[in-house]
Amino acid sequence: KGDKNYFNRSYTVEGNNSIIVGFDNEKDDSLSIKLRPAEGIKNGLFVYLNGYIDTYNSSFFQKKITQIIEKGYINLIFNCSSLNYVSSTGIGSFTVFLKMVKPKAGDIVLLEIQPKVYEVFQLLGFSQFFNIKNSLEEAIAFFSQESPLLASVFPLVITCPVCRKRLRSTRAGRFRCSGCKSIIAINDKGEVTLG
């Protein structure tokens, strides 16, 4: 885990294809994706992104990551250190992946996001939805946390902080109160805030 060279080793194209057969059969000049096993993380995979994600290549990006998730890799660490640009469509793709892995008890970490890319996440209000980490150690620690207790929090009855209406929630996320229509955010621990 602590071997910094582990992530700097050179890998051949066969490396991707040995993880997911045929992964590199389709390519895009604007975005390269490299895969690495995430040792010590159950069903984990490192996904290294190089280039940019916009309206034109987001379907390619979604297709490739969907391929990964369908092969059972549900704990994904996206290394974004070489990702130069992400459009709102690209951020939408990350949201789709999150919706795919969460029901399977998986999660996503975005690692080493460049400041200009992080700014897009913030401007669109998505930085709070994603687990954004600055170092590899933080990302691995995130997946090493014990999570059985988190699953037992839901279903949960909460009280709307605005109108005090009692509401039932089966999962973490953002919801609209059926009483006053306020947006409520519920985290994995069942803590309620206005969203």
Foldseek 3Di string as FASTA:
>chain_A
DPPPVLVVDDDDPVQQCVLPNPLVVDDDPQKDWDWDADPPFVLEIEIEIAGEADPVCLVVVLVSVVSSVVVPNLAYEYEAQRYDYYAPSNVVSVVVSQVSRVVVVYAYEYEQHDPVRVVNCVVVPNPVVHHYDHDPVVSSVVSVDDCPVLQVCPQDWDAPPPPRDIDTDGAFAWDADPPPRFIWGQDSNRDIDGD
